[in-house]
Amino acid sequence: MVGLDPVGPTVPVVTLWDWLPAAFDPVLILIAVWLGWKADQFGKVLIIGMIALAVSVLVSWAISRLGLPWIAPVRSDGLTLFPVRFVGAMLWASGAYAARRLARG
């Protein structure tokens, strides 16, 4: 069109320092490692990842809602990064599952 400059899509920039707190949420780590340690089959790690994601987001949301500072807050104006939390939970649970298998011999 005449007089209009073509504008491409705006891509949000998320730095590494925004991604790390989502994967290192203490509640996420606690739930994923505890359930990963208890798992008796590796296939359960996927379910553990989903459970750890859900619990950590709910706890983080509740803490943020109270106005308390938290390492990985869940707010309407902030980044929640669900995929990063899920992959982090899967990695923590996989590590705990592998450690348990090595500990058992």
N, C-alpha and C. Protein backbone atom coordinates (compact mmCIF):
# COMPACT_ATOMS: atom_id res chain seq x y z
N MET A 1 0.84 -1.16 0.00
CA MET A 1 0.00 0.00 0.00
C MET A 1 0.89 1.23 0.00
N VAL A 2 0.38 2.26 -0.52
CA VAL A 2 1.14 3.48 -0.66
C VAL A 2 1.22 4.19 0.70
N GLY A 3 2.44 4.55 1.08
CA GLY A 3 2.64 5.31 2.29
C GLY A 3 2.81 4.48 3.56
N LEU A 4 2.66 3.18 3.48
CA LEU A 4 2.82 2.33 4.65
C LEU A 4 4.10 1.52 4.53
N ASP A 5 4.86 1.51 5.60
CA ASP A 5 6.07 0.70 5.62
C ASP A 5 5.71 -0.71 6.07
N PRO A 6 6.23 -1.72 5.35
CA PRO A 6 5.94 -3.08 5.79
C PRO A 6 6.67 -3.38 7.11
N VAL A 7 5.94 -3.88 8.05
CA VAL A 7 6.50 -4.19 9.35
C VAL A 7 6.38 -5.70 9.57
N GLY A 8 7.51 -6.32 9.87
CA GLY A 8 7.50 -7.75 10.12
C GLY A 8 6.98 -8.06 11.51
N PRO A 9 6.80 -9.34 11.79
CA PRO A 9 6.31 -9.71 13.12
C PRO A 9 7.35 -9.39 14.20
N THR A 10 6.88 -9.02 15.35
CA THR A 10 7.75 -8.73 16.47
C THR A 10 7.99 -10.01 17.26
N VAL A 11 9.23 -10.36 17.42
CA VAL A 11 9.59 -11.58 18.14
C VAL A 11 10.07 -11.18 19.53
N PRO A 12 9.46 -11.74 20.57
CA PRO A 12 9.91 -11.40 21.92
C PRO A 12 11.29 -11.99 22.19
N VAL A 13 12.08 -11.24 22.93
CA VAL A 13 13.42 -11.69 23.28
C VAL A 13 13.40 -12.14 24.73
N VAL A 14 13.75 -13.40 24.94
CA VAL A 14 13.80 -13.94 26.29
C VAL A 14 15.24 -14.35 26.55
N THR A 15 15.86 -13.69 27.52
CA THR A 15 17.26 -13.98 27.81
C THR A 15 17.40 -15.24 28.64
N LEU A 16 18.62 -15.75 28.71
CA LEU A 16 18.89 -16.95 29.49
C LEU A 16 18.54 -16.75 30.96
N TRP A 17 18.72 -15.54 31.45
CA TRP A 17 18.45 -15.25 32.87
C TRP A 17 16.96 -15.27 33.17
N ASP A 18 16.11 -15.22 32.14
CA ASP A 18 14.67 -15.40 32.34
C ASP A 18 14.29 -16.87 32.31
N TRP A 19 15.07 -17.68 31.61
CA TRP A 19 14.77 -19.11 31.47
C TRP A 19 15.22 -19.91 32.69
N LEU A 20 16.36 -19.56 33.25
CA LEU A 20 16.94 -20.36 34.34
C LEU A 20 16.05 -20.47 35.58
N PRO A 21 15.44 -19.39 36.08
CA PRO A 21 14.60 -19.55 37.28
C PRO A 21 13.43 -20.51 37.06
N ALA A 22 12.92 -20.60 35.85
CA ALA A 22 11.81 -21.52 35.59
C ALA A 22 12.25 -22.97 35.75
N ALA A 23 13.45 -23.30 35.34
CA ALA A 23 13.94 -24.68 35.45
C ALA A 23 14.49 -24.99 36.83
N PHE A 24 14.82 -23.96 37.60
CA PHE A 24 15.40 -24.16 38.93
C PHE A 24 14.44 -23.72 40.04
N ASP A 25 13.15 -23.82 39.78
CA ASP A 25 12.14 -23.55 40.79
C ASP A 25 12.27 -24.61 41.88
N PRO A 26 12.45 -24.22 43.14
CA PRO A 26 12.66 -25.21 44.20
C PRO A 26 11.53 -26.23 44.35
N VAL A 27 10.30 -25.80 44.17
CA VAL A 27 9.17 -26.73 44.28
C VAL A 27 9.21 -27.73 43.13
N LEU A 28 9.52 -27.26 41.94
CA LEU A 28 9.65 -28.13 40.77
C LEU A 28 10.72 -29.18 41.01
N ILE A 29 11.86 -28.76 41.51
CA ILE A 29 12.97 -29.69 41.76
C ILE A 29 12.58 -30.70 42.83
N LEU A 30 11.98 -30.23 43.91
CA LEU A 30 11.61 -31.13 45.01
C LEU A 30 10.63 -32.21 44.55
N ILE A 31 9.57 -31.81 43.85
CA ILE A 31 8.57 -32.77 43.39
C ILE A 31 9.15 -33.71 42.35
N ALA A 32 9.88 -33.17 41.38
CA ALA A 32 10.43 -34.01 40.30
C ALA A 32 11.44 -35.01 40.82
N VAL A 33 12.33 -34.58 41.71
CA VAL A 33 13.35 -35.50 42.23
C VAL A 33 12.72 -36.54 43.15
N TRP A 34 11.80 -36.13 43.98
CA TRP A 34 11.16 -37.08 44.90
C TRP A 34 10.38 -38.15 44.13
N LEU A 35 9.55 -37.71 43.17
CA LEU A 35 8.78 -38.69 42.41
C LEU A 35 9.66 -39.48 41.44
N GLY A 36 10.69 -38.84 40.89
CA GLY A 36 11.62 -39.56 40.01
C GLY A 36 12.36 -40.65 40.76
N TRP A 37 12.70 -40.40 42.01
CA TRP A 37 13.37 -41.39 42.84
C TRP A 37 12.44 -42.58 43.13
N LYS A 38 11.14 -42.29 43.29
CA LYS A 38 10.17 -43.33 43.60
C LYS A 38 9.70 -44.12 42.38
N ALA A 39 9.94 -43.61 41.17
CA ALA A 39 9.43 -44.25 39.96
C ALA A 39 10.08 -45.62 39.75
N ASP A 40 9.27 -46.58 39.31
CA ASP A 40 9.81 -47.92 39.06
C ASP A 40 9.95 -48.22 37.56
N GLN A 41 9.48 -47.30 36.70
CA GLN A 41 9.63 -47.44 35.26
C GLN A 41 9.98 -46.08 34.67
N PHE A 42 10.81 -46.08 33.64
CA PHE A 42 11.23 -44.80 33.05
C PHE A 42 10.06 -44.08 32.38
N GLY A 43 9.07 -44.81 31.90
CA GLY A 43 7.92 -44.19 31.26
C GLY A 43 7.14 -43.27 32.18
N LYS A 44 7.27 -43.48 33.47
CA LYS A 44 6.55 -42.64 34.44
C LYS A 44 7.18 -41.27 34.58
N VAL A 45 8.37 -41.08 34.04
CA VAL A 45 9.04 -39.78 34.13
C VAL A 45 8.24 -38.71 33.40
N LEU A 46 7.58 -39.06 32.31
CA LEU A 46 6.74 -38.10 31.58
C LEU A 46 5.58 -37.62 32.46
N ILE A 47 4.95 -38.54 33.14
CA ILE A 47 3.85 -38.18 34.04
C ILE A 47 4.37 -37.36 35.21
N ILE A 48 5.54 -37.73 35.72
CA ILE A 48 6.15 -36.98 36.82
C ILE A 48 6.44 -35.54 36.39
N GLY A 49 6.89 -35.37 35.15
CA GLY A 49 7.14 -34.02 34.63
C GLY A 49 5.88 -33.17 34.62
N MET A 50 4.78 -33.77 34.22
CA MET A 50 3.51 -33.04 34.20
C MET A 50 3.05 -32.69 35.61
N ILE A 51 3.18 -33.64 36.52
CA ILE A 51 2.77 -33.39 37.91
C ILE A 51 3.63 -32.31 38.54
N ALA A 52 4.95 -32.40 38.37
CA ALA A 52 5.85 -31.40 38.95
C ALA A 52 5.57 -30.02 38.36
N LEU A 53 5.28 -29.96 37.06
CA LEU A 53 4.95 -28.68 36.43
C LEU A 53 3.69 -28.10 37.06
N ALA A 54 2.65 -28.90 37.17
CA ALA A 54 1.38 -28.40 37.71
C ALA A 54 1.52 -27.94 39.16
N VAL A 55 2.16 -28.73 39.99
CA VAL A 55 2.31 -28.37 41.40
C VAL A 55 3.18 -27.12 41.54
N SER A 56 4.29 -27.06 40.81
CA SER A 56 5.18 -25.90 40.95
C SER A 56 4.51 -24.62 40.47
N VAL A 57 3.74 -24.70 39.40
CA VAL A 57 3.05 -23.49 38.92
C VAL A 57 1.99 -23.04 39.92
N LEU A 58 1.24 -23.98 40.49
CA LEU A 58 0.23 -23.61 41.48
C LEU A 58 0.86 -23.00 42.73
N VAL A 59 1.93 -23.60 43.23
CA VAL A 59 2.60 -23.06 44.42
C VAL A 59 3.23 -21.70 44.11
N SER A 60 3.88 -21.58 42.96
CA SER A 60 4.49 -20.30 42.57
C SER A 60 3.43 -19.23 42.40
N TRP A 61 2.29 -19.59 41.83
CA TRP A 61 1.21 -18.63 41.67
C TRP A 61 0.69 -18.17 43.03
N ALA A 62 0.51 -19.13 43.95
CA ALA A 62 0.00 -18.77 45.28
C ALA A 62 0.98 -17.85 46.02
N ILE A 63 2.26 -18.15 45.93
CA ILE A 63 3.27 -17.32 46.58
C ILE A 63 3.30 -15.93 45.95
N SER A 64 3.24 -15.88 44.63
CA SER A 64 3.23 -14.59 43.93
C SER A 64 1.97 -13.80 44.24
N ARG A 65 0.86 -14.50 44.38
CA ARG A 65 -0.41 -13.85 44.68
C ARG A 65 -0.39 -13.20 46.07
N LEU A 66 0.35 -13.82 47.00
CA LEU A 66 0.48 -13.25 48.34
C LEU A 66 1.43 -12.05 48.37
N GLY A 67 2.14 -11.83 47.26
CA GLY A 67 3.06 -10.71 47.19
C GLY A 67 4.44 -11.01 47.75
N LEU A 68 4.72 -12.27 48.00
CA LEU A 68 6.03 -12.66 48.52
C LEU A 68 7.01 -12.84 47.37
N PRO A 69 8.27 -12.52 47.58
CA PRO A 69 9.25 -12.73 46.51
C PRO A 69 9.49 -14.22 46.29
N TRP A 70 9.68 -14.61 45.05
CA TRP A 70 9.89 -16.01 44.70
C TRP A 70 10.82 -16.08 43.51
N ILE A 71 11.62 -17.14 43.44
CA ILE A 71 12.62 -17.27 42.38
C ILE A 71 11.98 -17.36 41.00
N ALA A 72 10.85 -18.04 40.89
CA ALA A 72 10.19 -18.21 39.60
C ALA A 72 8.71 -17.83 39.74
N PRO A 73 8.41 -16.54 39.81
CA PRO A 73 7.02 -16.13 40.04
C PRO A 73 6.13 -16.42 38.84
N VAL A 74 4.86 -16.63 39.11
CA VAL A 74 3.85 -16.80 38.07
C VAL A 74 2.90 -15.63 38.22
N ARG A 75 2.97 -14.72 37.25
CA ARG A 75 2.12 -13.53 37.25
C ARG A 75 1.55 -13.32 35.86
N SER A 76 0.51 -12.54 35.79
CA SER A 76 -0.08 -12.26 34.47
C SER A 76 0.82 -11.36 33.63
N ASP A 77 1.68 -10.59 34.26
CA ASP A 77 2.56 -9.69 33.52
C ASP A 77 3.97 -10.25 33.33
N GLY A 78 4.21 -11.47 33.76
CA GLY A 78 5.55 -12.05 33.64
C GLY A 78 5.54 -13.31 32.79
N LEU A 79 6.73 -13.83 32.58
CA LEU A 79 6.89 -15.05 31.80
C LEU A 79 6.68 -16.27 32.69
N THR A 80 5.89 -17.20 32.23
CA THR A 80 5.69 -18.44 32.98
C THR A 80 6.58 -19.53 32.42
N LEU A 81 6.81 -19.54 31.11
CA LEU A 81 7.70 -20.48 30.44
C LEU A 81 7.37 -21.94 30.77
N PHE A 82 6.15 -22.34 30.44
CA PHE A 82 5.72 -23.71 30.69
C PHE A 82 6.63 -24.76 30.04
N PRO A 83 7.05 -24.58 28.78
CA PRO A 83 7.93 -25.60 28.18
C PRO A 83 9.26 -25.75 28.93
N VAL A 84 9.81 -24.64 29.41
CA VAL A 84 11.08 -24.71 30.14
C VAL A 84 10.88 -25.43 31.47
N ARG A 85 9.79 -25.14 32.15
CA ARG A 85 9.49 -25.82 33.41
C ARG A 85 9.28 -27.31 33.18
N PHE A 86 8.58 -27.67 32.11
CA PHE A 86 8.31 -29.08 31.83
C PHE A 86 9.60 -29.83 31.50
N VAL A 87 10.42 -29.27 30.64
CA VAL A 87 11.70 -29.92 30.30
C VAL A 87 12.59 -30.00 31.53
N GLY A 88 12.61 -28.95 32.34
CA GLY A 88 13.38 -28.98 33.58
C GLY A 88 12.90 -30.08 34.51
N ALA A 89 11.58 -30.23 34.65
CA ALA A 89 11.03 -31.28 35.50
C ALA A 89 11.40 -32.65 34.96
N MET A 90 11.35 -32.80 33.65
CA MET A 90 11.72 -34.09 33.05
C MET A 90 13.20 -34.41 33.31
N LEU A 91 14.06 -33.42 33.20
CA LEU A 91 15.50 -33.64 33.44
C LEU A 91 15.77 -33.96 34.90
N TRP A 92 15.13 -33.23 35.82
CA TRP A 92 15.32 -33.51 37.25
C TRP A 92 14.81 -34.90 37.60
N ALA A 93 13.64 -35.27 37.08
CA ALA A 93 13.08 -36.59 37.37
C ALA A 93 13.92 -37.69 36.74
N SER A 94 14.41 -37.47 35.53
CA SER A 94 15.27 -38.47 34.87
C SER A 94 16.56 -38.68 35.65
N GLY A 95 17.14 -37.59 36.14
CA GLY A 95 18.36 -37.70 36.94
C GLY A 95 18.13 -38.47 38.22
N ALA A 96 17.01 -38.21 38.89
CA ALA A 96 16.70 -38.94 40.12
C ALA A 96 16.42 -40.41 39.83
N TYR A 97 15.72 -40.68 38.73
CA TYR A 97 15.44 -42.07 38.36
C TYR A 97 16.74 -42.81 38.07
N ALA A 98 17.65 -42.18 37.34
CA ALA A 98 18.94 -42.80 37.02
C ALA A 98 19.77 -43.00 38.28
N ALA A 99 19.76 -42.03 39.17
CA ALA A 99 20.51 -42.16 40.43
C ALA A 99 19.98 -43.30 41.28
N ARG A 100 18.68 -43.47 41.31
CA ARG A 100 18.08 -44.56 42.08
C ARG A 100 18.47 -45.93 41.48
N ARG A 101 18.48 -46.00 40.16
CA ARG A 101 18.86 -47.25 39.50
C ARG A 101 20.32 -47.59 39.78
N LEU A 102 21.17 -46.56 39.78
CA LEU A 102 22.60 -46.80 40.09
C LEU A 102 22.79 -47.16 41.55
N ALA A 103 22.01 -46.56 42.43
CA ALA A 103 22.12 -46.85 43.87
C ALA A 103 21.68 -48.28 44.18
N ARG A 104 20.71 -48.77 43.46
CA ARG A 104 20.23 -50.13 43.67
C ARG A 104 21.20 -51.17 43.12
N GLY A 105 21.96 -50.78 42.13
CA GLY A 105 22.95 -51.69 41.57
C GLY A 105 22.46 -52.44 40.46
